[in-house]
């Protein structure tokens, strides 16, 4: 793996995994009061567009990273929207 690809791999791994602690906390505590709905909404839409970009460019690292990130962010958003209905 060349240094530029390695750099990209490390970057996409870290930025994707950054959402895991929040996701785990939300799932375990089922509490989202301190999470911004609008931030996760905008972020999820942006990640969706990054995923589309990766598909159109046929860029597997972008597709892989953004697929997982979209899964994580939309799950957090789902919990947020669901808890908002109950509050």
PDB file of N, CA and C in Angstrom:
ATOM      1  N   UNK A   1       0.848  -1.172   0.000  1.00  0.00           N
ATOM      2  CA  UNK A   1       0.000   0.000   0.000  1.00  0.00           C
ATOM      3  C   UNK A   1       0.895   1.238   0.000  1.00  0.00           C
ATOM      4  N   UNK A   2       0.630   2.133  -0.926  1.00  0.00           N
ATOM      5  CA  UNK A   2       1.451   3.344  -1.007  1.00  0.00           C
ATOM      6  C   UNK A   2       1.096   4.293   0.142  1.00  0.00           C
ATOM      7  N   UNK A   3       2.005   5.234   0.468  1.00  0.00           N
ATOM      8  CA  UNK A   3       1.791   6.121   1.623  1.00  0.00           C
ATOM      9  C   UNK A   3       0.507   6.959   1.540  1.00  0.00           C
ATOM     10  N   UNK A   4       0.132   7.398   0.367  1.00  0.00           N
ATOM     11  CA  UNK A   4      -1.079   8.216   0.227  1.00  0.00           C
ATOM     12  C   UNK A   4      -2.322   7.375   0.516  1.00  0.00           C
ATOM     13  N   UNK A   5      -2.352   6.149  -0.003  1.00  0.00           N
ATOM     14  CA  UNK A   5      -3.479   5.254   0.270  1.00  0.00           C
ATOM     15  C   UNK A   5      -3.538   4.889   1.748  1.00  0.00           C
ATOM     16  N   UNK A   6      -2.386   4.675   2.357  1.00  0.00           N
ATOM     17  CA  UNK A   6      -2.331   4.381   3.784  1.00  0.00           C
ATOM     18  C   UNK A   6      -2.877   5.550   4.593  1.00  0.00           C
ATOM     19  N   UNK A   7      -2.501   6.752   4.227  1.00  0.00           N
ATOM     20  CA  UNK A   7      -3.005   7.946   4.891  1.00  0.00           C
ATOM     21  C   UNK A   7      -4.533   8.025   4.784  1.00  0.00           C
ATOM     22  N   UNK A   8      -5.055   7.776   3.604  1.00  0.00           N
ATOM     23  CA  UNK A   8      -6.502   7.783   3.397  1.00  0.00           C
ATOM     24  C   UNK A   8      -7.195   6.703   4.197  1.00  0.00           C
ATOM     25  N   UNK A   9      -6.610   5.529   4.240  1.00  0.00           N
ATOM     26  CA  UNK A   9      -7.184   4.418   5.001  1.00  0.00           C
ATOM     27  C   UNK A   9      -7.231   4.753   6.489  1.00  0.00           C
ATOM     28  N   UNK A  10      -6.153   5.301   7.015  1.00  0.00           N
ATOM     29  CA  UNK A  10      -6.112   5.683   8.429  1.00  0.00           C
ATOM     30  C   UNK A  10      -7.154   6.768   8.712  1.00  0.00           C
ATOM     31  N   UNK A  11      -7.238   7.756   7.841  1.00  0.00           N
ATOM     32  CA  UNK A  11      -8.196   8.857   8.025  1.00  0.00           C
ATOM     33  C   UNK A  11      -9.636   8.344   8.021  1.00  0.00           C
ATOM     34  N   UNK A  12      -9.991   7.521   7.044  1.00  0.00           N
ATOM     35  CA  UNK A  12     -11.379   7.044   6.975  1.00  0.00           C
ATOM     36  C   UNK A  12     -11.697   6.113   8.131  1.00  0.00           C
ATOM     37  N   UNK A  13     -10.730   5.343   8.586  1.00  0.00           N
ATOM     38  CA  UNK A  13     -10.962   4.458   9.725  1.00  0.00           C
ATOM     39  C   UNK A  13     -11.223   5.263  10.995  1.00  0.00           C
ATOM     40  N   UNK A  14     -10.384   6.254  11.246  1.00  0.00           N
ATOM     41  CA  UNK A  14     -10.539   7.049  12.461  1.00  0.00           C
ATOM     42  C   UNK A  14     -11.813   7.883  12.458  1.00  0.00           C
ATOM     43  N   UNK A  15     -12.121   8.524  11.334  1.00  0.00           N
ATOM     44  CA  UNK A  15     -13.322   9.365  11.300  1.00  0.00           C
ATOM     45  C   UNK A  15     -14.594   8.531  11.374  1.00  0.00           C
ATOM     46  N   UNK A  16     -14.566   7.323  10.851  1.00  0.00           N
ATOM     47  CA  UNK A  16     -15.728   6.443  10.946  1.00  0.00           C
ATOM     48  C   UNK A  16     -15.877   5.915  12.368  1.00  0.00           C
ATOM     49  N   UNK A  17     -14.794   5.446  12.952  1.00  0.00           N
ATOM     50  CA  UNK A  17     -14.846   4.899  14.307  1.00  0.00           C
ATOM     51  C   UNK A  17     -15.151   5.953  15.364  1.00  0.00           C
ATOM     52  N   UNK A  18     -14.957   7.220  15.038  1.00  0.00           N
ATOM     53  CA  UNK A  18     -15.227   8.299  15.990  1.00  0.00           C
ATOM     54  C   UNK A  18     -16.690   8.321  16.430  1.00  0.00           C
ATOM     55  N   UNK A  19     -17.585   7.794  15.601  1.00  0.00           N
ATOM     56  CA  UNK A  19     -19.004   7.796  15.941  1.00  0.00           C
ATOM     57  C   UNK A  19     -19.413   6.620  16.828  1.00  0.00           C
ATOM     58  N   UNK A  20     -18.575   5.613  16.929  1.00  0.00           N
ATOM     59  CA  UNK A  20     -18.933   4.430  17.706  1.00  0.00           C
ATOM     60  C   UNK A  20     -19.195   4.701  19.193  1.00  0.00           C
ATOM     61  N   UNK A  21     -18.367   5.478  19.881  1.00  0.00           N
ATOM     62  CA  UNK A  21     -18.675   5.723  21.299  1.00  0.00           C
ATOM     63  C   UNK A  21     -20.037   6.388  21.503  1.00  0.00           C
ATOM     64  N   UNK A  22     -20.380   7.351  20.646  1.00  0.00           N
ATOM     65  CA  UNK A  22     -21.682   8.007  20.764  1.00  0.00           C
ATOM     66  C   UNK A  22     -22.809   7.034  20.465  1.00  0.00           C
ATOM     67  N   UNK A  23     -22.634   6.230  19.426  1.00  0.00           N
ATOM     68  CA  UNK A  23     -23.649   5.245  19.059  1.00  0.00           C
ATOM     69  C   UNK A  23     -23.875   4.241  20.190  1.00  0.00           C
ATOM     70  N   UNK A  24     -22.805   3.731  20.748  1.00  0.00           N
ATOM     71  CA  UNK A  24     -22.909   2.766  21.840  1.00  0.00           C
ATOM     72  C   UNK A  24     -23.597   3.392  23.049  1.00  0.00           C
ATOM     73  N   UNK A  25     -23.219   4.619  23.374  1.00  0.00           N
ATOM     74  CA  UNK A  25     -23.821   5.313  24.514  1.00  0.00           C
ATOM     75  C   UNK A  25     -25.321   5.522  24.301  1.00  0.00           C
ATOM     76  N   UNK A  26     -25.704   5.947  23.107  1.00  0.00           N
ATOM     77  CA  UNK A  26     -27.119   6.174  22.807  1.00  0.00           C
ATOM     78  C   UNK A  26     -27.907   4.865  22.895  1.00  0.00           C
ATOM     79  N   UNK A  27     -27.359   3.807  22.344  1.00  0.00           N
ATOM     80  CA  UNK A  27     -28.056   2.520  22.366  1.00  0.00           C
ATOM     81  C   UNK A  27     -28.198   1.997  23.798  1.00  0.00           C
ATOM     82  N   UNK A  28     -27.136   2.089  24.577  1.00  0.00           N
ATOM     83  CA  UNK A  28     -27.180   1.556  25.942  1.00  0.00           C
ATOM     84  C   UNK A  28     -28.038   2.402  26.877  1.00  0.00           C
ATOM     85  N   UNK A  29     -27.902   3.728  26.774  1.00  0.00           N
ATOM     86  CA  UNK A  29     -28.624   4.610  27.698  1.00  0.00           C
ATOM     87  C   UNK A  29     -29.995   5.020  27.184  1.00  0.00           C
ATOM     88  N   UNK A  30     -30.205   4.876  25.877  1.00  0.00           N
ATOM     89  CA  UNK A  30     -31.465   5.298  25.251  1.00  0.00           C
ATOM     90  C   UNK A  30     -31.819   6.735  25.644  1.00  0.00           C
ATOM     91  N   UNK A  31     -30.793   7.567  25.655  1.00  0.00           N
ATOM     92  CA  UNK A  31     -30.945   8.967  26.033  1.00  0.00           C
ATOM     93  C   UNK A  31     -30.252   9.828  24.986  1.00  0.00           C
ATOM     94  N   UNK A  32     -30.982  10.782  24.420  1.00  0.00           N
ATOM     95  CA  UNK A  32     -30.417  11.619  23.355  1.00  0.00           C
ATOM     96  C   UNK A  32     -30.657  13.106  23.599  1.00  0.00           C
ATOM     97  N   UNK A  33     -31.045  13.478  24.796  1.00  0.00           N
ATOM     98  CA  UNK A  33     -31.403  14.864  25.087  1.00  0.00           C
ATOM     99  C   UNK A  33     -30.283  15.851  24.730  1.00  0.00           C
ATOM    100  N   UNK A  34     -29.041  15.470  24.937  1.00  0.00           N
ATOM    101  CA  UNK A  34     -27.923  16.372  24.710  1.00  0.00           C
ATOM    102  C   UNK A  34     -27.349  16.312  23.302  1.00  0.00           C
ATOM    103  N   UNK A  35     -28.014  15.599  22.408  1.00  0.00           N
ATOM    104  CA  UNK A  35     -27.541  15.462  21.032  1.00  0.00           C
ATOM    105  C   UNK A  35     -28.361  16.376  20.128  1.00  0.00           C
ATOM    106  N   UNK A  36     -27.690  17.067  19.241  1.00  0.00           N
ATOM    107  CA  UNK A  36     -28.373  17.965  18.310  1.00  0.00           C
ATOM    108  C   UNK A  36     -28.996  17.190  17.154  1.00  0.00           C
ATOM    109  N   UNK A  37     -30.308  17.241  17.063  1.00  0.00           N
ATOM    110  CA  UNK A  37     -31.024  16.600  15.964  1.00  0.00           C
ATOM    111  C   UNK A  37     -30.593  17.184  14.624  1.00  0.00           C
ATOM    112  N   UNK A  38     -30.540  18.508  14.552  1.00  0.00           N
ATOM    113  CA  UNK A  38     -30.206  19.152  13.279  1.00  0.00           C
ATOM    114  C   UNK A  38     -28.790  18.836  12.823  1.00  0.00           C
ATOM    115  N   UNK A  39     -27.865  18.741  13.766  1.00  0.00           N
ATOM    116  CA  UNK A  39     -26.489  18.396  13.402  1.00  0.00           C
ATOM    117  C   UNK A  39     -26.427  17.006  12.802  1.00  0.00           C
ATOM    118  N   UNK A  40     -27.105  16.048  13.417  1.00  0.00           N
ATOM    119  CA  UNK A  40     -27.080  14.682  12.878  1.00  0.00           C
ATOM    120  C   UNK A  40     -27.871  14.566  11.587  1.00  0.00           C
ATOM    121  N   UNK A  41     -28.886  15.379  11.422  1.00  0.00           N
ATOM    122  CA  UNK A  41     -29.641  15.393  10.168  1.00  0.00           C
ATOM    123  C   UNK A  41     -28.771  15.902   9.025  1.00  0.00           C
ATOM    124  N   UNK A  42     -28.134  17.034   9.231  1.00  0.00           N
ATOM    125  CA  UNK A  42     -27.259  17.607   8.192  1.00  0.00           C
ATOM    126  C   UNK A  42     -26.065  16.691   7.936  1.00  0.00           C
ATOM    127  N   UNK A  43     -25.474  16.164   8.995  1.00  0.00           N
ATOM    128  CA  UNK A  43     -24.332  15.259   8.847  1.00  0.00           C
ATOM    129  C   UNK A  43     -24.715  14.012   8.060  1.00  0.00           C
ATOM    130  N   UNK A  44     -25.860  13.424   8.362  1.00  0.00           N
ATOM    131  CA  UNK A  44     -26.293  12.218   7.653  1.00  0.00           C
ATOM    132  C   UNK A  44     -26.535  12.492   6.174  1.00  0.00           C
ATOM    133  N   UNK A  45     -27.128  13.622   5.857  1.00  0.00           N
ATOM    134  CA  UNK A  45     -27.338  13.979   4.451  1.00  0.00           C
ATOM    135  C   UNK A  45     -25.989  14.179   3.755  1.00  0.00           C
ATOM    136  N   UNK A  46     -25.064  14.862   4.421  1.00  0.00           N
ATOM    137  CA  UNK A  46     -23.735  15.062   3.853  1.00  0.00           C
ATOM    138  C   UNK A  46     -22.995  13.754   3.625  1.00  0.00           C
ATOM    139  N   UNK A  47     -23.066  12.855   4.582  1.00  0.00           N
ATOM    140  CA  UNK A  47     -22.421  11.544   4.444  1.00  0.00           C
ATOM    141  C   UNK A  47     -23.065  10.748   3.312  1.00  0.00           C
ATOM    142  N   UNK A  48     -24.395  10.867   3.173  1.00  0.00           N
ATOM    143  CA  UNK A  48     -25.079  10.207   2.060  1.00  0.00           C
ATOM    144  C   UNK A  48     -24.530  10.701   0.720  1.00  0.00           C
ATOM    145  N   UNK A  49     -24.320  12.017   0.611  1.00  0.00           N
ATOM    146  CA  UNK A  49     -23.764  12.554  -0.631  1.00  0.00           C
ATOM    147  C   UNK A  49     -22.317  12.101  -0.850  1.00  0.00           C
ATOM    148  N   UNK A  50     -21.543  11.983   0.228  1.00  0.00           N
ATOM    149  CA  UNK A  50     -20.188  11.436   0.100  1.00  0.00           C
ATOM    150  C   UNK A  50     -20.243   9.990  -0.396  1.00  0.00           C
ATOM    151  N   UNK A  51     -21.205   9.233   0.106  1.00  0.00           N
ATOM    152  CA  UNK A  51     -21.373   7.850  -0.343  1.00  0.00           C
ATOM    153  C   UNK A  51     -21.722   7.817  -1.829  1.00  0.00           C
ATOM    154  N   UNK A  52     -22.638   8.672  -2.247  1.00  0.00           N
ATOM    155  CA  UNK A  52     -22.995   8.759  -3.675  1.00  0.00           C
ATOM    156  C   UNK A  52     -21.769   9.126  -4.509  1.00  0.00           C
ATOM    157  N   UNK A  53     -20.991  10.066  -4.038  1.00  0.00           N
ATOM    158  CA  UNK A  53     -19.764  10.485  -4.717  1.00  0.00           C
ATOM    159  C   UNK A  53     -18.815   9.292  -4.874  1.00  0.00           C
ATOM    160  N   UNK A  54     -18.630   8.545  -3.799  1.00  0.00           N
ATOM    161  CA  UNK A  54     -17.757   7.369  -3.850  1.00  0.00           C
ATOM    162  C   UNK A  54     -18.246   6.332  -4.838  1.00  0.00           C
ATOM    163  N   UNK A  55     -19.557   6.129  -4.895  1.00  0.00           N
ATOM    164  CA  UNK A  55     -20.127   5.165  -5.839  1.00  0.00           C
ATOM    165  C   UNK A  55     -19.889   5.655  -7.273  1.00  0.00           C
ATOM    166  N   UNK A  56     -20.156   6.932  -7.511  1.00  0.00           N
ATOM    167  CA  UNK A  56     -19.968   7.472  -8.866  1.00  0.00           C
ATOM    168  C   UNK A  56     -18.506   7.455  -9.306  1.00  0.00           C
ATOM    169  N   UNK A  57     -17.598   7.634  -8.355  1.00  0.00           N
ATOM    170  CA  UNK A  57     -16.158   7.604  -8.661  1.00  0.00           C
ATOM    171  C   UNK A  57     -15.601   6.180  -8.596  1.00  0.00           C
ATOM    172  N   UNK A  58     -16.432   5.239  -8.150  1.00  0.00           N
ATOM    173  CA  UNK A  58     -15.998   3.856  -7.967  1.00  0.00           C
ATOM    174  C   UNK A  58     -14.775   3.785  -7.054  1.00  0.00           C
ATOM    175  N   UNK A  59     -14.864   4.531  -5.941  1.00  0.00           N
ATOM    176  CA  UNK A  59     -13.770   4.633  -4.982  1.00  0.00           C
ATOM    177  C   UNK A  59     -14.145   3.831  -3.730  1.00  0.00           C
ATOM    178  N   UNK A  60     -13.618   2.611  -3.646  1.00  0.00           N
ATOM    179  CA  UNK A  60     -14.018   1.688  -2.587  1.00  0.00           C
ATOM    180  C   UNK A  60     -13.783   2.220  -1.173  1.00  0.00           C
ATOM    181  N   UNK A  61     -12.627   2.843  -0.864  1.00  0.00           N
ATOM    182  CA  UNK A  61     -12.454   3.355   0.503  1.00  0.00           C
ATOM    183  C   UNK A  61     -13.507   4.397   0.883  1.00  0.00           C
ATOM    184  N   UNK A  62     -13.874   5.268  -0.044  1.00  0.00           N
ATOM    185  CA  UNK A  62     -14.906   6.268   0.240  1.00  0.00           C
ATOM    186  C   UNK A  62     -16.257   5.583   0.424  1.00  0.00           C
ATOM    187  N   UNK A  63     -16.553   4.613  -0.395  1.00  0.00           N
ATOM    188  CA  UNK A  63     -17.810   3.866  -0.282  1.00  0.00           C
ATOM    189  C   UNK A  63     -17.874   3.147   1.064  1.00  0.00           C
ATOM    190  N   UNK A  64     -16.812   2.451   1.416  1.00  0.00           N
ATOM    191  CA  UNK A  64     -16.795   1.671   2.652  1.00  0.00           C
ATOM    192  C   UNK A  64     -16.921   2.573   3.881  1.00  0.00           C
ATOM    193  N   UNK A  65     -16.084   3.592   3.946  1.00  0.00           N
ATOM    194  CA  UNK A  65     -16.090   4.474   5.113  1.00  0.00           C
ATOM    195  C   UNK A  65     -17.442   5.167   5.277  1.00  0.00           C
ATOM    196  N   UNK A  66     -17.976   5.680   4.198  1.00  0.00           N
ATOM    197  CA  UNK A  66     -19.227   6.427   4.295  1.00  0.00           C
ATOM    198  C   UNK A  66     -20.437   5.525   4.466  1.00  0.00           C
ATOM    199  N   UNK A  67     -20.359   4.282   4.044  1.00  0.00           N
ATOM    200  CA  UNK A  67     -21.442   3.338   4.316  1.00  0.00           C
ATOM    201  C   UNK A  67     -21.572   3.109   5.815  1.00  0.00           C
ATOM    202  N   UNK A  68     -20.449   2.859   6.479  1.00  0.00           N
ATOM    203  CA  UNK A  68     -20.485   2.649   7.918  1.00  0.00           C
ATOM    204  C   UNK A  68     -20.841   3.939   8.659  1.00  0.00           C
ATOM    205  N   UNK A  69     -20.265   5.050   8.237  1.00  0.00           N
ATOM    206  CA  UNK A  69     -20.571   6.324   8.893  1.00  0.00           C
ATOM    207  C   UNK A  69     -22.051   6.652   8.760  1.00  0.00           C
ATOM    208  N   UNK A  70     -22.624   6.419   7.581  1.00  0.00           N
ATOM    209  CA  UNK A  70     -24.052   6.671   7.384  1.00  0.00           C
ATOM    210  C   UNK A  70     -24.887   5.760   8.283  1.00  0.00           C
ATOM    211  N   UNK A  71     -24.498   4.524   8.403  1.00  0.00           N
ATOM    212  CA  UNK A  71     -25.200   3.607   9.297  1.00  0.00           C
ATOM    213  C   UNK A  71     -25.158   4.121  10.739  1.00  0.00           C
ATOM    214  N   UNK A  72     -23.987   4.542  11.184  1.00  0.00           N
ATOM    215  CA  UNK A  72     -23.833   5.029  12.554  1.00  0.00           C
ATOM    216  C   UNK A  72     -24.629   6.311  12.789  1.00  0.00           C
ATOM    217  N   UNK A  73     -24.484   7.288  11.889  1.00  0.00           N
ATOM    218  CA  UNK A  73     -25.139   8.587  12.101  1.00  0.00           C
ATOM    219  C   UNK A  73     -26.658   8.486  11.977  1.00  0.00           C
ATOM    220  N   UNK A  74     -27.146   7.679  11.038  1.00  0.00           N
ATOM    221  CA  UNK A  74     -28.601   7.562  10.909  1.00  0.00           C
ATOM    222  C   UNK A  74     -29.204   6.760  12.061  1.00  0.00           C
ATOM    223  N   UNK A  75     -28.451   5.845  12.633  1.00  0.00           N
ATOM    224  CA  UNK A  75     -28.937   5.127  13.813  1.00  0.00           C
ATOM    225  C   UNK A  75     -29.060   6.080  14.991  1.00  0.00           C
ATOM    226  N   UNK A  76     -28.051   6.905  15.199  1.00  0.00           N
ATOM    227  CA  UNK A  76     -28.113   7.916  16.257  1.00  0.00           C
ATOM    228  C   UNK A  76     -29.277   8.871  16.003  1.00  0.00           C
ATOM    229  N   UNK A  77     -29.434   9.314  14.759  1.00  0.00           N
ATOM    230  CA  UNK A  77     -30.532  10.211  14.399  1.00  0.00           C
ATOM    231  C   UNK A  77     -31.878   9.531  14.636  1.00  0.00           C
ATOM    232  N   UNK A  78     -31.990   8.275  14.296  1.00  0.00           N
ATOM    233  CA  UNK A  78     -33.233   7.533  14.516  1.00  0.00           C
ATOM    234  C   UNK A  78     -33.597   7.511  16.001  1.00  0.00           C
ATOM    235  N   UNK A  79     -32.598   7.223  16.850  1.00  0.00           N
ATOM    236  CA  UNK A  79     -32.842   7.245  18.287  1.00  0.00           C
ATOM    237  C   UNK A  79     -33.267   8.642  18.741  1.00  0.00           C
ATOM    238  N   UNK A  80     -32.623   9.672  18.196  1.00  0.00           N
ATOM    239  CA  UNK A  80     -32.960  11.044  18.558  1.00  0.00           C
ATOM    240  C   UNK A  80     -34.400  11.365  18.154  1.00  0.00           C
ATOM    241  N   UNK A  81     -34.789  11.047  16.940  1.00  0.00           N
ATOM    242  CA  UNK A  81     -36.136  11.345  16.479  1.00  0.00           C
ATOM    243  C   UNK A  81     -37.171  10.517  17.255  1.00  0.00           C
ATOM    244  N   UNK A  82     -36.836   9.307  17.572  1.00  0.00           N
ATOM    245  CA  UNK A  82     -37.727   8.444  18.321  1.00  0.00           C
ATOM    246  C   UNK A  82     -37.915   8.960  19.739  1.00  0.00           C
ATOM    247  N   UNK A  83     -36.840   9.397  20.364  1.00  0.00           N
ATOM    248  CA  UNK A  83     -36.942   9.901  21.743  1.00  0.00           C
ATOM    249  C   UNK A  83     -37.659  11.238  21.769  1.00  0.00           C
ATOM    250  N   UNK A  84     -37.535  12.016  20.716  1.00  0.00           N
ATOM    251  CA  UNK A  84     -38.215  13.314  20.637  1.00  0.00           C
ATOM    252  C   UNK A  84     -39.723  13.126  20.671  1.00  0.00           C
ATOM    253  N   UNK A  85     -40.206  12.065  20.032  1.00  0.00           N
ATOM    254  CA  UNK A  85     -41.637  11.783  20.028  1.00  0.00           C
ATOM    255  C   UNK A  85     -42.141  11.424  21.425  1.00  0.00           C
ATOM    256  N   UNK A  86     -41.265  10.796  22.222  1.00  0.00           N
ATOM    257  CA  UNK A  86     -41.679  10.340  23.539  1.00  0.00           C
ATOM    258  C   UNK A  86     -41.569  11.424  24.590  1.00  0.00           C
ATOM    259  N   UNK A  87     -40.755  12.469  24.348  1.00  0.00           N
ATOM    260  CA  UNK A  87     -40.554  13.525  25.360  1.00  0.00           C
ATOM    261  C   UNK A  87     -41.735  14.454  25.462  1.00  0.00           C
TER     262      UNK A  87
END
